[in-house]
Amino acid sequence: MDILVIGGGASGLAAAVSASSAARVTVLEKEERPGKKILATGNGRCNLMNDGELKYFHGEEFAKAVLGSDGPRRLRAFFDGIGLNVMSRAEEDGRVYPATHQAASVLDALRAACARGGVRFIPSSPADSIESRGGAFRVRAGGEWHGADKVIVCCGSPAGTGERKGSYGLLTGLGHPMIPLVPALCPLECDMRSLGALKGLRLPAAVTLKADGEPVAQAGGEVLFGDRGLSGIAVMQLSADAAARPGAHVTLSLDLSPLLDIAPRDHFHFISGRDAFRSPGDAEALLAARLSLLPREDLFTGLLPRVLAGVVDRGRPGVKELARRLTDFTLTVTGVRADAAQVMRGGIDTALFDPRTMESRRVPGLYCAGEMLDVDGDCGGFNLMFAFLSGIAAGKSCVL
């Protein structure tokens, strides 16, 4: 059996390794070398997976069906099988890395496994069309046609490039619908006038994204102030919702109750409906209690970072207004850093793919895995875990 894998990223390499034990596998890669994006994941450490509660936004049910109840265990077994030593204990928030904490170790192990399985790589060959005839396939890439019995499409997404085109036409041309793309898990540009002093400040906060004054989504965790806007886990979780509303007046409302220790600091997932942590009454009570013990000029000493206190206390307002500013610190969103997006929300609709096998329900013998599908998860290894496990499922299924 001849199998073509289109794309040599995380899902493509996992698919190639999994299929190579029972078939001749060829990988068509648009770059000169496969696996380039793997080297950049996890700030060069490669956050392979997450041992915690599954956190997916779009495509949540499909992702959970692919991963099952034992996804991390199966992925560890795969890495053990190719000789990659993985951390036995997860770090904060369930993050799991290679024991070397080097993304290059992951790529080296995948390439070595491909070499042992006889996988053939054809570099600098971006695919531009797939034809299905009589149960067989032809793929045109790099100006040449390649034949195969089965095809696994693992082209990834254009995340981080600032583009929204990608290689989705390979599947839409065969009747698979596509959900429009928006960048996800990226910083947000904001109106930072008069806030330059906050550059570099990291704070725990509950963050609410609003469009035309109405709450859209909420997330919590770290917020990082920059010269162009905000980043950090809490902000990046909301970036896709901001990008999906280009014509609206979009704002971020920061509730700093976790910083004041009147609300939990723990990260929390998206919350629909009301603002869960909004507690101006508690903040007002805290400030009033401090004023009963301290002079007004020392109200924020030991409570807030000095630069933040300088911004919050402009004009020396009363306690009620100070409490409002601390629980509703609002910034206007002016743009989305699409060039820094970790993933894209949207992609090929999962409805026409079987999550057990990753095979198309419309074109037998055609499979898809990884970021091309409309699945996006939280920071912390969820997206890479889906890419690996969906690729493994496709590779194993196509040789059964």
Protein backbone atom coordinates (compact mmCIF):
# COMPACT_ATOMS: atom_id res chain seq x y z
CA MET A 1 0.00 0.00 0.00
CA ASP A 2 1.24 3.48 -0.90
CA ILE A 3 0.27 6.34 1.40
CA LEU A 4 0.86 10.04 0.80
CA VAL A 5 1.06 12.35 3.81
CA ILE A 6 0.69 16.00 2.85
CA GLY A 7 2.54 18.11 5.40
CA GLY A 8 5.47 17.27 7.65
CA GLY A 9 4.43 19.02 10.86
CA ALA A 10 3.44 17.43 14.16
CA SER A 11 0.36 15.61 12.85
CA GLY A 12 2.00 14.65 9.55
CA LEU A 13 5.10 13.15 11.16
CA ALA A 14 2.98 11.27 13.72
CA ALA A 15 0.81 9.92 10.89
CA ALA A 16 3.85 8.89 8.84
CA VAL A 17 5.43 7.04 11.76
CA SER A 18 2.17 5.26 12.58
CA ALA A 19 1.51 4.15 8.99
CA SER A 20 5.08 3.19 8.09
CA SER A 21 4.94 -0.17 9.88
CA ALA A 22 2.51 -1.51 7.28
CA ALA A 23 2.81 0.67 4.18
CA ARG A 24 5.14 2.65 1.95
CA VAL A 25 4.83 6.24 3.13
CA THR A 26 5.82 9.41 1.31
CA VAL A 27 5.62 12.84 2.94
CA LEU A 28 5.14 15.90 0.72
CA GLU A 29 6.53 18.92 2.59
CA LYS A 30 6.34 22.50 1.36
CA GLU A 31 9.42 23.57 3.38
CA GLU A 32 12.99 22.41 2.86
CA ARG A 33 12.88 20.41 6.08
CA PRO A 34 9.90 18.90 7.95
CA GLY A 35 8.91 19.84 11.48
CA LYS A 36 10.03 23.46 11.48
CA LYS A 37 7.07 24.68 13.56
CA ILE A 38 7.71 22.03 16.22
CA LEU A 39 11.00 23.76 17.06
CA ALA A 40 9.17 26.95 18.00
CA THR A 41 6.50 25.42 20.24
CA GLY A 42 6.53 26.00 23.97
CA ASN A 43 9.19 28.70 23.59
CA GLY A 44 11.54 26.07 22.23
CA ARG A 45 10.68 23.52 24.93
CA CYS A 46 7.78 21.87 23.03
CA ASN A 47 4.73 21.56 25.27
CA LEU A 48 3.76 18.08 24.04
CA MET A 49 0.49 17.54 25.88
CA ASN A 50 -1.54 18.35 28.97
CA ASP A 51 -2.45 15.92 31.74
CA GLY A 52 -5.22 18.14 33.11
CA GLU A 53 -8.85 18.72 32.20
CA LEU A 54 -9.35 19.01 28.46
CA LYS A 55 -9.85 22.61 27.31
CA TYR A 56 -10.98 23.06 23.73
CA PHE A 57 -13.06 25.89 22.33
CA HIS A 58 -14.19 25.20 18.75
CA GLY A 59 -14.51 21.51 17.92
CA GLU A 60 -14.57 20.53 21.59
CA GLU A 61 -16.69 17.39 21.19
CA PHE A 62 -14.68 16.22 18.18
CA ALA A 63 -11.39 16.79 20.02
CA LYS A 64 -12.61 14.88 23.06
CA ALA A 65 -13.73 12.00 20.83
CA VAL A 66 -10.28 11.85 19.22
CA LEU A 67 -8.42 12.00 22.53
CA GLY A 68 -10.77 9.76 24.48
CA SER A 69 -10.36 9.30 28.22
CA ASP A 70 -6.73 8.22 27.96
CA GLY A 71 -5.22 10.52 25.37
CA PRO A 72 -2.14 11.53 27.41
CA ARG A 73 -1.41 7.89 28.27
CA ARG A 74 -1.62 6.82 24.61
CA LEU A 75 0.56 9.74 23.53
CA ARG A 76 3.17 8.86 26.16
CA ALA A 77 3.16 5.30 24.83
CA PHE A 78 3.74 6.59 21.30
CA PHE A 79 6.69 8.70 22.41
CA ASP A 80 8.12 5.80 24.41
CA GLY A 81 7.90 3.72 21.25
CA ILE A 82 9.99 6.17 19.24
CA GLY A 83 12.54 6.67 22.01
CA LEU A 84 11.54 10.13 23.25
CA ASN A 85 11.95 10.54 27.00
CA VAL A 86 8.95 12.50 28.33
CA MET A 87 8.56 14.12 31.76
CA SER A 88 6.98 11.68 34.19
CA ARG A 89 5.35 14.51 36.15
CA ALA A 90 3.45 17.40 34.67
CA GLU A 91 4.36 20.99 35.42
CA GLU A 92 1.95 23.75 36.44
CA ASP A 93 -1.51 23.47 34.87
CA GLY A 94 -0.76 19.93 33.62
CA ARG A 95 1.85 20.90 31.00
CA VAL A 96 4.11 18.07 29.85
CA TYR A 97 7.42 18.55 28.02
CA PRO A 98 10.18 16.28 26.75
CA ALA A 99 12.55 15.45 29.61
CA THR A 100 15.30 17.40 27.83
CA HIS A 101 13.05 20.49 27.66
CA GLN A 102 14.29 20.84 24.09
CA ALA A 103 11.91 20.89 21.11
CA ALA A 104 14.79 19.64 18.95
CA SER A 105 14.68 16.33 20.86
CA VAL A 106 11.07 15.82 19.78
CA LEU A 107 11.82 16.51 16.13
CA ASP A 108 14.95 14.34 16.20
CA ALA A 109 12.97 11.40 17.61
CA LEU A 110 10.21 11.77 15.03
CA ARG A 111 12.66 11.99 12.14
CA ALA A 112 14.59 8.97 13.40
CA ALA A 113 11.37 6.96 13.66
CA CYS A 114 10.47 7.95 10.11
CA ALA A 115 13.91 6.85 8.92
CA ARG A 116 13.51 3.47 10.62
CA GLY A 117 10.14 3.04 8.92
CA GLY A 118 11.52 3.88 5.49
CA VAL A 119 9.45 7.06 5.14
CA ARG A 120 10.40 9.05 2.05
CA PHE A 121 10.39 12.86 2.20
CA ILE A 122 9.94 15.13 -0.80
CA PRO A 123 10.82 18.66 0.36
CA SER A 124 9.88 22.00 -1.21
CA SER A 125 6.75 20.41 -2.67
CA PRO A 126 3.59 22.27 -1.66
CA ALA A 127 0.50 20.35 -2.73
CA ASP A 128 -2.12 22.24 -4.73
CA SER A 129 -4.70 19.63 -5.70
CA ILE A 130 -5.99 16.14 -4.90
CA GLU A 131 -7.85 13.92 -7.34
CA SER A 132 -9.80 10.81 -6.36
CA ARG A 133 -10.48 8.27 -9.12
CA GLY A 134 -11.61 4.70 -8.84
CA GLY A 135 -10.51 4.28 -5.24
CA ALA A 136 -7.03 5.71 -5.86
CA PHE A 137 -5.58 9.20 -5.54
CA ARG A 138 -3.34 11.60 -7.38
CA VAL A 139 -1.77 14.61 -5.68
CA ARG A 140 -0.09 17.42 -7.58
CA ALA A 141 2.79 18.98 -5.64
CA GLY A 142 5.76 20.96 -6.80
CA GLY A 143 4.57 20.68 -10.40
CA GLU A 144 4.54 16.85 -10.32
CA TRP A 145 1.83 14.23 -9.84
CA HIS A 146 2.14 11.58 -7.11
CA GLY A 147 -0.08 8.50 -6.91
CA ALA A 148 -1.29 6.77 -3.75
CA ASP A 149 -3.83 4.33 -2.42
CA LYS A 150 -4.66 6.64 0.48
CA VAL A 151 -3.92 10.26 1.41
CA ILE A 152 -3.56 11.93 4.82
CA VAL A 153 -3.84 15.73 4.71
CA CYS A 154 -1.87 17.39 7.53
CA CYS A 155 -1.03 20.82 6.12
CA GLY A 156 -1.52 22.74 9.35
CA SER A 157 -2.84 26.29 9.49
CA PRO A 158 -1.39 29.69 8.58
CA ALA A 159 -1.21 30.65 12.28
CA GLY A 160 1.57 33.09 13.01
CA THR A 161 1.96 34.21 9.40
CA GLY A 162 -0.71 36.91 9.42
CA GLU A 163 -2.35 35.18 6.43
CA ARG A 164 -5.68 33.36 6.25
CA LYS A 165 -5.36 31.33 3.08
CA GLY A 166 -3.61 28.07 3.94
CA SER A 167 -4.04 24.83 1.98
CA TYR A 168 -7.72 24.30 2.75
CA GLY A 169 -8.61 24.17 -0.95
CA LEU A 170 -7.22 20.63 -1.05
CA LEU A 171 -10.26 19.52 0.94
CA THR A 172 -12.89 22.11 0.04
CA GLY A 173 -12.30 21.09 -3.58
CA LEU A 174 -13.44 17.60 -2.61
CA GLY A 175 -16.64 18.79 -0.97
CA HIS A 176 -15.55 19.41 2.61
CA PRO A 177 -16.98 22.69 3.96
CA MET A 178 -14.79 25.16 5.80
CA ILE A 179 -15.43 27.37 8.82
CA PRO A 180 -13.98 30.91 8.30
CA LEU A 181 -10.60 31.50 9.94
CA VAL A 182 -9.74 33.95 12.70
CA PRO A 183 -6.43 34.13 14.58
CA ALA A 184 -6.47 32.69 18.11
CA LEU A 185 -4.17 32.65 21.14
CA CYS A 186 -2.45 35.90 20.26
CA PRO A 187 -1.88 39.32 21.91
CA LEU A 188 -4.39 42.14 21.50
CA GLU A 189 -3.45 45.67 20.48
CA CYS A 190 -5.03 48.29 22.72
CA ASP A 191 -5.15 52.04 23.16
CA MET A 192 -2.21 52.43 25.54
CA ARG A 193 -2.15 56.22 25.72
CA SER A 194 -1.31 57.32 29.28
CA LEU A 195 -0.51 53.70 30.20
CA GLY A 196 3.14 53.57 29.13
CA ALA A 197 4.30 53.23 32.73
CA LEU A 198 2.65 49.80 32.90
CA LYS A 199 4.86 48.27 30.19
CA GLY A 200 6.29 44.96 31.42
CA LEU A 201 3.85 44.63 34.34
CA ARG A 202 2.39 41.15 34.95
CA LEU A 203 -0.85 40.86 36.92
CA PRO A 204 -3.42 38.17 37.78
CA ALA A 205 -6.87 39.24 36.62
CA ALA A 206 -10.30 38.15 35.50
CA VAL A 207 -10.73 39.58 32.01
CA THR A 208 -14.03 40.23 30.26
CA LEU A 209 -14.19 40.87 26.52
CA LYS A 210 -17.05 43.16 25.51
CA ALA A 211 -18.37 44.04 22.06
CA ASP A 212 -20.45 47.22 21.85
CA GLY A 213 -20.76 47.13 25.63
CA GLU A 214 -22.06 43.57 25.86
CA PRO A 215 -19.99 40.78 27.53
CA VAL A 216 -18.84 38.21 24.98
CA ALA A 217 -16.44 35.95 26.87
CA GLN A 218 -14.35 35.85 30.02
CA ALA A 219 -11.08 34.23 31.02
CA GLY A 220 -8.69 34.47 33.92
CA GLY A 221 -5.00 34.23 34.62
CA GLU A 222 -1.95 36.33 33.89
CA VAL A 223 -2.14 39.63 32.00
CA LEU A 224 1.02 41.19 30.59
CA PHE A 225 1.15 44.89 29.66
CA GLY A 226 3.20 45.81 26.58
CA ASP A 227 3.84 48.99 24.63
CA ARG A 228 1.23 48.07 21.98
CA GLY A 229 -1.36 46.28 24.08
CA LEU A 230 -1.92 43.25 26.29
CA SER A 231 -0.89 39.60 26.20
CA GLY A 232 -0.71 36.80 28.74
CA ILE A 233 -2.87 33.68 29.00
CA ALA A 234 -6.08 35.44 30.02
CA VAL A 235 -5.94 37.90 27.11
CA MET A 236 -4.79 35.37 24.51
CA GLN A 237 -7.74 33.11 25.34
CA LEU A 238 -10.07 35.92 24.28
CA SER A 239 -8.26 36.95 21.10
CA ALA A 240 -10.32 34.82 18.69
CA ASP A 241 -13.55 36.33 19.99
CA ALA A 242 -12.08 39.81 19.48
CA ALA A 243 -10.91 38.95 15.95
CA ALA A 244 -14.37 37.65 15.06
CA ARG A 245 -15.92 41.11 15.63
CA PRO A 246 -14.07 43.47 13.26
CA GLY A 247 -16.84 46.08 13.10
CA ALA A 248 -17.66 46.28 16.79
CA HIS A 249 -16.32 48.52 19.55
CA VAL A 250 -14.33 45.95 21.52
CA THR A 251 -13.01 46.49 25.03
CA LEU A 252 -11.21 44.51 27.72
CA SER A 253 -12.36 44.92 31.30
CA LEU A 254 -9.81 43.78 33.88
CA ASP A 255 -11.04 42.80 37.33
CA LEU A 256 -7.98 42.98 39.57
CA SER A 257 -9.67 41.29 42.53
CA PRO A 258 -7.18 38.37 42.33
CA LEU A 259 -4.33 40.87 42.73
CA LEU A 260 -6.06 42.29 45.82
CA ASP A 261 -6.48 38.76 47.22
CA ILE A 262 -10.27 39.09 47.38
CA ALA A 263 -10.77 36.53 44.59
CA PRO A 264 -8.92 33.32 43.64
CA ARG A 265 -5.75 33.61 41.55
CA ASP A 266 -6.31 30.25 39.85
CA HIS A 267 -6.72 30.17 36.08
CA PHE A 268 -10.28 29.51 35.03
CA HIS A 269 -12.01 28.61 31.80
CA PHE A 270 -14.39 30.65 29.67
CA ILE A 271 -17.46 31.76 31.63
CA SER A 272 -20.68 32.65 29.88
CA GLY A 273 -23.22 35.13 31.18
CA ARG A 274 -22.48 37.44 34.08
CA ASP A 275 -19.06 38.58 35.26
CA ALA A 276 -18.19 35.87 37.77
CA PHE A 277 -15.50 37.67 39.78
CA ARG A 278 -16.77 41.26 39.59
CA SER A 279 -16.69 42.38 43.26
CA PRO A 280 -16.52 46.20 43.61
CA GLY A 281 -18.17 45.96 47.03
CA ASP A 282 -15.36 43.78 48.37
CA ALA A 283 -12.73 46.09 46.88
CA GLU A 284 -14.44 49.11 48.41
CA ALA A 285 -14.54 47.43 51.81
CA LEU A 286 -10.85 46.55 51.56
CA LEU A 287 -9.87 50.12 50.68
CA ALA A 288 -12.08 51.60 53.41
CA ALA A 289 -10.49 49.29 55.98
CA ARG A 290 -7.01 50.36 54.89
CA LEU A 291 -7.96 54.05 55.10
CA SER A 292 -9.04 53.52 58.70
CA LEU A 293 -5.49 52.40 59.48
CA LEU A 294 -3.29 54.30 57.02
CA PRO A 295 -2.91 57.87 55.75
CA ARG A 296 -4.38 58.51 52.28
CA GLU A 297 -0.94 58.76 50.66
CA ASP A 298 -0.14 55.20 51.81
CA LEU A 299 -3.44 53.65 50.70
CA PHE A 300 -1.82 51.56 47.95
CA THR A 301 1.60 51.07 49.52
CA GLY A 302 2.13 47.33 49.90
CA LEU A 303 -1.13 46.61 48.07
CA LEU A 304 -0.43 47.47 44.41
CA PRO A 305 2.71 47.76 42.30
CA ARG A 306 3.80 51.41 42.42
CA VAL A 307 3.29 52.03 38.68
CA LEU A 308 -0.23 50.58 38.77
CA ALA A 309 -1.12 52.64 41.85
CA GLY A 310 -0.02 55.75 39.97
CA VAL A 311 -2.44 55.01 37.13
CA VAL A 312 -5.39 53.92 39.29
CA ASP A 313 -5.08 56.86 41.67
CA ARG A 314 -4.96 59.62 39.06
CA GLY A 315 -7.05 62.54 40.21
CA ARG A 316 -7.16 61.16 43.78
CA PRO A 317 -10.75 59.87 43.51
CA GLY A 318 -12.85 58.56 46.38
CA VAL A 319 -12.98 54.99 47.61
CA LYS A 320 -16.03 54.07 45.53
CA GLU A 321 -14.42 55.21 42.27
CA LEU A 322 -11.12 53.54 43.18
CA ALA A 323 -12.94 50.26 43.76
CA ARG A 324 -14.61 50.59 40.37
CA ARG A 325 -11.28 51.23 38.64
CA LEU A 326 -9.76 48.16 40.30
CA THR A 327 -12.61 45.86 39.27
CA ASP A 328 -13.35 47.40 35.88
CA PHE A 329 -10.01 48.59 34.48
CA THR A 330 -11.07 49.09 30.86
CA LEU A 331 -8.96 49.28 27.70
CA THR A 332 -10.14 49.71 24.09
CA VAL A 333 -9.01 46.97 21.71
CA THR A 334 -7.64 48.41 18.46
CA GLY A 335 -6.39 45.25 16.74
CA VAL A 336 -5.34 41.63 16.89
CA ARG A 337 -1.71 40.49 16.56
CA ALA A 338 -2.50 37.90 13.88
CA ASP A 339 1.20 37.55 13.07
CA ALA A 340 1.73 36.20 16.60
CA ALA A 341 -1.23 33.76 16.65
CA GLN A 342 -0.39 30.32 18.01
CA VAL A 343 -3.38 28.69 16.27
CA MET A 344 -6.30 29.58 14.03
CA ARG A 345 -9.93 29.22 14.98
CA GLY A 346 -11.91 27.75 12.10
CA GLY A 347 -10.78 25.41 9.34
CA ILE A 348 -12.24 22.29 7.75
CA ASP A 349 -15.56 21.33 9.31
CA THR A 350 -15.15 18.21 11.44
CA ALA A 351 -18.69 17.01 10.69
CA LEU A 352 -17.52 15.03 7.65
CA PHE A 353 -14.68 13.21 9.46
CA ASP A 354 -14.83 10.19 11.76
CA PRO A 355 -13.04 11.06 15.03
CA ARG A 356 -12.09 7.41 15.58
CA THR A 357 -10.23 7.06 12.28
CA MET A 358 -9.91 10.64 10.92
CA GLU A 359 -11.26 9.34 7.60
CA SER A 360 -13.53 11.46 5.46
CA ARG A 361 -17.16 10.40 5.44
CA ARG A 362 -17.42 11.80 1.91
CA VAL A 363 -14.25 10.49 0.23
CA PRO A 364 -13.17 7.01 1.41
CA GLY A 365 -9.40 6.67 1.73
CA LEU A 366 -8.94 10.38 2.43
CA TYR A 367 -7.89 11.40 5.95
CA CYS A 368 -7.20 14.69 7.70
CA ALA A 369 -5.44 15.49 10.98
CA GLY A 370 -4.13 18.39 13.00
CA GLU A 371 -4.61 22.12 12.66
CA MET A 372 -6.44 22.04 9.33
CA LEU A 373 -9.54 20.91 11.19
CA ASP A 374 -11.83 23.30 13.06
CA VAL A 375 -10.41 22.44 16.48
CA ASP A 376 -8.62 24.93 18.73
CA GLY A 377 -7.68 24.54 22.35
CA ASP A 378 -6.23 26.48 25.24
CA CYS A 379 -2.58 27.27 25.85
CA GLY A 380 -0.72 24.50 27.62
CA GLY A 381 -0.20 21.71 25.08
CA PHE A 382 -3.80 21.04 24.08
CA ASN A 383 -3.37 21.95 20.41
CA LEU A 384 -0.17 19.96 19.95
CA MET A 385 -1.70 17.00 21.77
CA PHE A 386 -4.63 17.01 19.35
CA ALA A 387 -2.26 17.28 16.38
CA PHE A 388 -0.19 14.29 17.49
CA LEU A 389 -3.10 12.05 18.47
CA SER A 390 -5.20 12.83 15.41
CA GLY A 391 -2.16 12.11 13.23
CA ILE A 392 -1.50 8.82 15.02
CA ALA A 393 -5.18 7.83 14.58
CA ALA A 394 -5.09 8.62 10.86
CA GLY A 395 -1.82 6.76 10.31
CA LYS A 396 -3.00 3.64 12.10
CA SER A 397 -6.46 3.64 10.56
CA CYS A 398 -5.36 3.96 6.96
CA VAL A 399 -3.31 0.73 7.10
CA LEU A 400 -6.01 -1.42 8.75
